[in-house]
Amino acid sequence: MGIHEYGEELTLWDYPTDIIPIFPPLSSINLLSLPLIYSLLYQHAKNQKQFLISVLIATAVFCFILEPILSWAGFYNLIHWNYFFSYPIYVLAAVIIKALTIKINRITGKNKIQVSGK
């Protein structure tokens, strides 16, 4: 269950229309779109500063352009939520995932060096 489903259960927002009825509403955004875009930013950023600036811009597009369009189109209704609340959550998620990825790469890199050194 993604953050979108938790928000719906807590009546922070609602999805009146299921895009694909057999899946939870907008789960494709959680499982495909956001991770794909953030991973592309991670791969193409030359340094931490460029990554952070890219994430801040992409997140602004998600929160202040795409979410209002989804709301206007009737796919997303805010109940006890504001578009500004999503912004730090998306940024924090991108930064934490990048930090975890770097940590995992360092751990697996150390293991490869140790194994090849034997």
N, C-alpha and C. Protein backbone atom coordinates (compact mmCIF):
# COMPACT_ATOMS: atom_id res chain seq x y z
N MET A 1 0.85 -1.18 0.00
CA MET A 1 0.00 0.00 0.00
C MET A 1 0.90 1.24 0.00
N GLY A 2 0.66 2.15 -0.92
CA GLY A 2 1.47 3.34 -1.03
C GLY A 2 0.89 4.50 -0.24
N ILE A 3 1.62 5.59 -0.23
CA ILE A 3 1.20 6.77 0.52
C ILE A 3 -0.14 7.31 0.02
N HIS A 4 -0.40 7.13 -1.26
CA HIS A 4 -1.68 7.62 -1.79
C HIS A 4 -2.85 6.87 -1.18
N GLU A 5 -2.69 5.57 -0.98
CA GLU A 5 -3.77 4.79 -0.38
C GLU A 5 -3.93 5.13 1.11
N TYR A 6 -2.81 5.40 1.82
CA TYR A 6 -2.91 5.80 3.22
C TYR A 6 -3.67 7.12 3.36
N GLY A 7 -3.34 8.07 2.48
CA GLY A 7 -4.04 9.35 2.52
C GLY A 7 -5.53 9.21 2.28
N GLU A 8 -5.88 8.30 1.38
CA GLU A 8 -7.29 8.07 1.12
C GLU A 8 -7.98 7.43 2.33
N GLU A 9 -7.31 6.48 2.96
CA GLU A 9 -7.88 5.82 4.15
C GLU A 9 -8.04 6.80 5.31
N LEU A 10 -7.15 7.77 5.41
CA LEU A 10 -7.22 8.77 6.48
C LEU A 10 -8.11 9.96 6.11
N THR A 11 -8.80 9.86 4.99
CA THR A 11 -9.68 10.89 4.42
C THR A 11 -8.98 12.24 4.27
N LEU A 12 -7.71 12.20 3.87
CA LEU A 12 -7.00 13.43 3.55
C LEU A 12 -7.31 13.85 2.12
N TRP A 13 -7.55 12.85 1.27
CA TRP A 13 -7.95 13.08 -0.12
C TRP A 13 -8.75 11.87 -0.57
N ASP A 14 -9.32 11.98 -1.75
CA ASP A 14 -10.16 10.91 -2.26
C ASP A 14 -9.92 10.75 -3.76
N TYR A 15 -10.08 9.54 -4.23
CA TYR A 15 -9.99 9.23 -5.66
C TYR A 15 -11.38 8.76 -6.11
N PRO A 16 -12.20 9.67 -6.64
CA PRO A 16 -13.56 9.28 -7.01
C PRO A 16 -13.62 8.36 -8.22
N THR A 17 -12.57 8.35 -9.04
CA THR A 17 -12.56 7.53 -10.25
C THR A 17 -11.34 6.62 -10.22
N ASP A 18 -11.57 5.33 -10.38
CA ASP A 18 -10.46 4.39 -10.50
C ASP A 18 -10.04 4.35 -11.97
N ILE A 19 -8.77 4.63 -12.23
CA ILE A 19 -8.29 4.61 -13.61
C ILE A 19 -8.34 3.19 -14.15
N ILE A 20 -7.82 2.25 -13.38
CA ILE A 20 -7.90 0.82 -13.72
C ILE A 20 -8.59 0.16 -12.53
N PRO A 21 -9.83 -0.29 -12.66
CA PRO A 21 -10.63 -0.73 -11.52
C PRO A 21 -10.05 -1.87 -10.67
N ILE A 22 -9.17 -2.69 -11.23
CA ILE A 22 -8.66 -3.81 -10.44
C ILE A 22 -7.46 -3.42 -9.57
N PHE A 23 -6.93 -2.21 -9.74
CA PHE A 23 -5.81 -1.73 -8.94
C PHE A 23 -6.26 -0.59 -8.04
N PRO A 24 -5.54 -0.35 -6.94
CA PRO A 24 -5.87 0.82 -6.12
C PRO A 24 -5.71 2.11 -6.95
N PRO A 25 -6.46 3.14 -6.64
CA PRO A 25 -6.40 4.37 -7.43
C PRO A 25 -5.00 4.97 -7.51
N LEU A 26 -4.62 5.36 -8.68
CA LEU A 26 -3.36 6.03 -8.96
C LEU A 26 -2.12 5.30 -8.45
N SER A 27 -2.22 3.99 -8.24
CA SER A 27 -1.03 3.26 -7.79
C SER A 27 0.06 3.27 -8.86
N SER A 28 -0.31 3.49 -10.11
CA SER A 28 0.70 3.55 -11.16
C SER A 28 1.64 4.74 -10.94
N ILE A 29 1.14 5.81 -10.35
CA ILE A 29 2.00 6.96 -10.05
C ILE A 29 3.02 6.58 -8.99
N ASN A 30 2.57 5.87 -7.96
CA ASN A 30 3.49 5.44 -6.89
C ASN A 30 4.50 4.43 -7.39
N LEU A 31 4.04 3.49 -8.19
CA LEU A 31 4.89 2.36 -8.55
C LEU A 31 5.71 2.57 -9.82
N LEU A 32 5.34 3.51 -10.65
CA LEU A 32 6.05 3.67 -11.91
C LEU A 32 6.55 5.09 -12.16
N SER A 33 5.67 6.04 -12.21
CA SER A 33 6.03 7.38 -12.65
C SER A 33 7.05 8.07 -11.74
N LEU A 34 6.73 8.20 -10.47
CA LEU A 34 7.65 8.89 -9.56
C LEU A 34 8.99 8.19 -9.44
N PRO A 35 9.03 6.88 -9.19
CA PRO A 35 10.34 6.22 -9.11
C PRO A 35 11.14 6.31 -10.40
N LEU A 36 10.46 6.22 -11.53
CA LEU A 36 11.16 6.31 -12.82
C LEU A 36 11.78 7.69 -13.00
N ILE A 37 11.03 8.72 -12.75
CA ILE A 37 11.54 10.08 -12.92
C ILE A 37 12.67 10.37 -11.94
N TYR A 38 12.50 9.97 -10.67
CA TYR A 38 13.56 10.21 -9.70
C TYR A 38 14.81 9.40 -10.03
N SER A 39 14.66 8.19 -10.53
CA SER A 39 15.85 7.40 -10.87
C SER A 39 16.58 8.00 -12.07
N LEU A 40 15.84 8.56 -13.03
CA LEU A 40 16.48 9.24 -14.15
C LEU A 40 17.24 10.48 -13.67
N LEU A 41 16.66 11.21 -12.74
CA LEU A 41 17.36 12.37 -12.19
C LEU A 41 18.63 11.93 -11.47
N TYR A 42 18.54 10.84 -10.71
CA TYR A 42 19.69 10.31 -9.99
C TYR A 42 20.81 9.92 -10.96
N GLN A 43 20.46 9.26 -12.04
CA GLN A 43 21.46 8.79 -13.00
C GLN A 43 22.11 9.92 -13.77
N HIS A 44 21.37 10.98 -14.06
CA HIS A 44 21.89 12.03 -14.91
C HIS A 44 22.49 13.22 -14.16
N ALA A 45 22.26 13.30 -12.87
CA ALA A 45 22.83 14.41 -12.09
C ALA A 45 24.32 14.18 -11.92
N LYS A 46 25.09 15.22 -12.17
CA LYS A 46 26.55 15.10 -12.08
C LYS A 46 27.05 15.17 -10.63
N ASN A 47 26.25 15.78 -9.75
CA ASN A 47 26.65 15.89 -8.34
C ASN A 47 25.39 16.03 -7.47
N GLN A 48 25.61 16.11 -6.16
CA GLN A 48 24.49 16.18 -5.21
C GLN A 48 23.66 17.45 -5.41
N LYS A 49 24.35 18.57 -5.67
CA LYS A 49 23.64 19.84 -5.84
C LYS A 49 22.73 19.79 -7.06
N GLN A 50 23.22 19.28 -8.17
CA GLN A 50 22.41 19.18 -9.38
C GLN A 50 21.23 18.24 -9.16
N PHE A 51 21.46 17.14 -8.44
CA PHE A 51 20.38 16.21 -8.14
C PHE A 51 19.30 16.89 -7.31
N LEU A 52 19.70 17.62 -6.27
CA LEU A 52 18.73 18.27 -5.41
C LEU A 52 17.94 19.34 -6.17
N ILE A 53 18.61 20.12 -6.99
CA ILE A 53 17.91 21.13 -7.78
C ILE A 53 16.91 20.47 -8.73
N SER A 54 17.33 19.39 -9.37
CA SER A 54 16.45 18.66 -10.28
C SER A 54 15.24 18.10 -9.55
N VAL A 55 15.46 17.54 -8.38
CA VAL A 55 14.36 16.99 -7.58
C VAL A 55 13.40 18.10 -7.16
N LEU A 56 13.93 19.24 -6.74
CA LEU A 56 13.08 20.35 -6.33
C LEU A 56 12.19 20.82 -7.50
N ILE A 57 12.76 20.88 -8.68
CA ILE A 57 11.99 21.31 -9.86
C ILE A 57 10.95 20.25 -10.24
N ALA A 58 11.38 18.98 -10.33
CA ALA A 58 10.45 17.91 -10.70
C ALA A 58 9.31 17.79 -9.70
N THR A 59 9.63 17.92 -8.42
CA THR A 59 8.61 17.83 -7.39
C THR A 59 7.63 18.99 -7.48
N ALA A 60 8.14 20.17 -7.81
CA ALA A 60 7.25 21.33 -8.01
C ALA A 60 6.28 21.05 -9.15
N VAL A 61 6.77 20.43 -10.22
CA VAL A 61 5.88 20.08 -11.34
C VAL A 61 4.83 19.08 -10.88
N PHE A 62 5.25 18.04 -10.12
CA PHE A 62 4.28 17.05 -9.63
C PHE A 62 3.20 17.72 -8.78
N CYS A 63 3.66 18.51 -7.79
CA CYS A 63 2.74 19.03 -6.78
C CYS A 63 1.89 20.20 -7.25
N PHE A 64 2.46 21.07 -8.06
CA PHE A 64 1.76 22.31 -8.37
C PHE A 64 1.22 22.38 -9.80
N ILE A 65 1.53 21.37 -10.60
CA ILE A 65 0.97 21.32 -11.96
C ILE A 65 0.18 20.03 -12.16
N LEU A 66 0.83 18.87 -11.95
CA LEU A 66 0.15 17.60 -12.22
C LEU A 66 -0.97 17.28 -11.24
N GLU A 67 -0.73 17.47 -9.95
CA GLU A 67 -1.79 17.18 -8.97
C GLU A 67 -3.01 18.08 -9.18
N PRO A 68 -2.84 19.40 -9.41
CA PRO A 68 -4.03 20.22 -9.70
C PRO A 68 -4.75 19.79 -10.98
N ILE A 69 -4.01 19.37 -12.00
CA ILE A 69 -4.66 18.88 -13.22
C ILE A 69 -5.48 17.63 -12.93
N LEU A 70 -4.91 16.70 -12.16
CA LEU A 70 -5.66 15.49 -11.77
C LEU A 70 -6.89 15.86 -10.96
N SER A 71 -6.76 16.84 -10.10
CA SER A 71 -7.90 17.29 -9.30
C SER A 71 -8.96 17.94 -10.19
N TRP A 72 -8.54 18.80 -11.10
CA TRP A 72 -9.46 19.46 -12.03
C TRP A 72 -10.19 18.43 -12.91
N ALA A 73 -9.47 17.36 -13.30
CA ALA A 73 -10.05 16.33 -14.17
C ALA A 73 -10.97 15.37 -13.41
N GLY A 74 -11.00 15.47 -12.08
CA GLY A 74 -11.90 14.63 -11.30
C GLY A 74 -11.30 13.32 -10.83
N PHE A 75 -9.99 13.14 -10.97
CA PHE A 75 -9.34 11.91 -10.51
C PHE A 75 -8.88 12.01 -9.06
N TYR A 76 -8.85 13.21 -8.51
CA TYR A 76 -8.22 13.45 -7.22
C TYR A 76 -8.94 14.60 -6.55
N ASN A 77 -9.48 14.38 -5.35
CA ASN A 77 -10.16 15.43 -4.59
C ASN A 77 -9.46 15.63 -3.26
N LEU A 78 -9.06 16.85 -2.98
CA LEU A 78 -8.45 17.16 -1.69
C LEU A 78 -9.56 17.33 -0.65
N ILE A 79 -9.39 16.69 0.51
CA ILE A 79 -10.36 16.83 1.59
C ILE A 79 -9.72 17.62 2.74
N HIS A 80 -8.71 17.02 3.36
CA HIS A 80 -7.96 17.68 4.44
C HIS A 80 -6.49 17.73 4.06
N TRP A 81 -6.21 18.21 2.88
CA TRP A 81 -4.85 18.20 2.34
C TRP A 81 -4.64 19.43 1.48
N ASN A 82 -3.40 19.77 1.26
CA ASN A 82 -3.04 20.91 0.43
C ASN A 82 -1.89 20.47 -0.47
N TYR A 83 -1.80 21.00 -1.67
CA TYR A 83 -0.72 20.63 -2.58
C TYR A 83 0.65 20.92 -1.97
N PHE A 84 0.74 21.95 -1.16
CA PHE A 84 2.01 22.30 -0.52
C PHE A 84 2.48 21.23 0.46
N PHE A 85 1.55 20.46 1.04
CA PHE A 85 1.93 19.41 1.99
C PHE A 85 2.68 18.28 1.28
N SER A 86 2.35 18.03 0.03
CA SER A 86 2.99 16.95 -0.72
C SER A 86 4.45 17.26 -1.06
N TYR A 87 4.75 18.53 -1.25
CA TYR A 87 6.07 18.94 -1.72
C TYR A 87 7.22 18.42 -0.85
N PRO A 88 7.25 18.70 0.46
CA PRO A 88 8.38 18.20 1.25
C PRO A 88 8.42 16.67 1.35
N ILE A 89 7.25 16.03 1.28
CA ILE A 89 7.22 14.57 1.36
C ILE A 89 7.89 13.96 0.12
N TYR A 90 7.55 14.48 -1.07
CA TYR A 90 8.17 13.98 -2.30
C TYR A 90 9.66 14.24 -2.32
N VAL A 91 10.08 15.45 -1.91
CA VAL A 91 11.51 15.78 -1.89
C VAL A 91 12.24 14.87 -0.91
N LEU A 92 11.70 14.72 0.27
CA LEU A 92 12.32 13.87 1.29
C LEU A 92 12.42 12.43 0.82
N ALA A 93 11.38 11.92 0.18
CA ALA A 93 11.40 10.55 -0.33
C ALA A 93 12.52 10.37 -1.35
N ALA A 94 12.67 11.33 -2.27
CA ALA A 94 13.72 11.23 -3.29
C ALA A 94 15.11 11.25 -2.66
N VAL A 95 15.32 12.13 -1.70
CA VAL A 95 16.63 12.25 -1.05
C VAL A 95 16.95 11.00 -0.23
N ILE A 96 15.97 10.49 0.49
CA ILE A 96 16.19 9.28 1.31
C ILE A 96 16.49 8.08 0.42
N ILE A 97 15.74 7.91 -0.65
CA ILE A 97 15.97 6.78 -1.55
C ILE A 97 17.36 6.87 -2.18
N LYS A 98 17.78 8.09 -2.55
CA LYS A 98 19.13 8.24 -3.11
C LYS A 98 20.17 7.88 -2.06
N ALA A 99 19.99 8.34 -0.84
CA ALA A 99 20.95 8.03 0.23
C ALA A 99 21.02 6.52 0.49
N LEU A 100 19.87 5.86 0.48
CA LEU A 100 19.86 4.40 0.67
C LEU A 100 20.54 3.69 -0.49
N THR A 101 20.32 4.18 -1.70
CA THR A 101 20.96 3.59 -2.88
C THR A 101 22.48 3.73 -2.79
N ILE A 102 22.95 4.90 -2.40
CA ILE A 102 24.40 5.10 -2.24
C ILE A 102 24.95 4.17 -1.17
N LYS A 103 24.24 4.04 -0.06
CA LYS A 103 24.68 3.16 1.03
C LYS A 103 24.75 1.70 0.56
N ILE A 104 23.73 1.25 -0.14
CA ILE A 104 23.72 -0.14 -0.65
C ILE A 104 24.86 -0.35 -1.63
N ASN A 105 25.08 0.62 -2.52
CA ASN A 105 26.18 0.50 -3.48
C ASN A 105 27.53 0.44 -2.78
N ARG A 106 27.70 1.21 -1.73
CA ARG A 106 28.97 1.16 -0.97
C ARG A 106 29.15 -0.20 -0.30
N ILE A 107 28.08 -0.72 0.27
CA ILE A 107 28.17 -2.02 0.95
C ILE A 107 28.48 -3.12 -0.07
N THR A 108 27.76 -3.14 -1.18
CA THR A 108 28.01 -4.18 -2.17
C THR A 108 29.36 -3.99 -2.84
N GLY A 109 29.80 -2.76 -2.99
CA GLY A 109 31.12 -2.50 -3.55
C GLY A 109 32.22 -3.02 -2.66
N LYS A 110 32.07 -2.86 -1.34
CA LYS A 110 33.05 -3.37 -0.38
C LYS A 110 33.10 -4.89 -0.42
N ASN A 111 31.93 -5.51 -0.54
CA ASN A 111 31.89 -6.99 -0.60
C ASN A 111 32.57 -7.49 -1.85
N LYS A 112 32.38 -6.81 -2.99
CA LYS A 112 33.04 -7.24 -4.22
C LYS A 112 34.55 -7.13 -4.12
N ILE A 113 35.03 -6.08 -3.47
CA ILE A 113 36.48 -5.88 -3.31
C ILE A 113 37.03 -6.99 -2.41
N GLN A 114 36.34 -7.31 -1.33
CA GLN A 114 36.81 -8.33 -0.41
C GLN A 114 36.84 -9.69 -1.09
N VAL A 115 35.81 -10.02 -1.86
CA VAL A 115 35.73 -11.32 -2.52
C VAL A 115 36.83 -11.42 -3.59
N SER A 116 37.01 -10.36 -4.38
CA SER A 116 38.00 -10.43 -5.44
C SER A 116 39.43 -10.41 -4.91
N GLY A 117 39.62 -9.92 -3.69
CA GLY A 117 40.96 -9.85 -3.10
C GLY A 117 41.44 -11.19 -2.57
N LYS A 118 40.56 -12.16 -2.47
CA LYS A 118 40.95 -13.48 -1.93
C LYS A 118 41.63 -14.33 -2.95
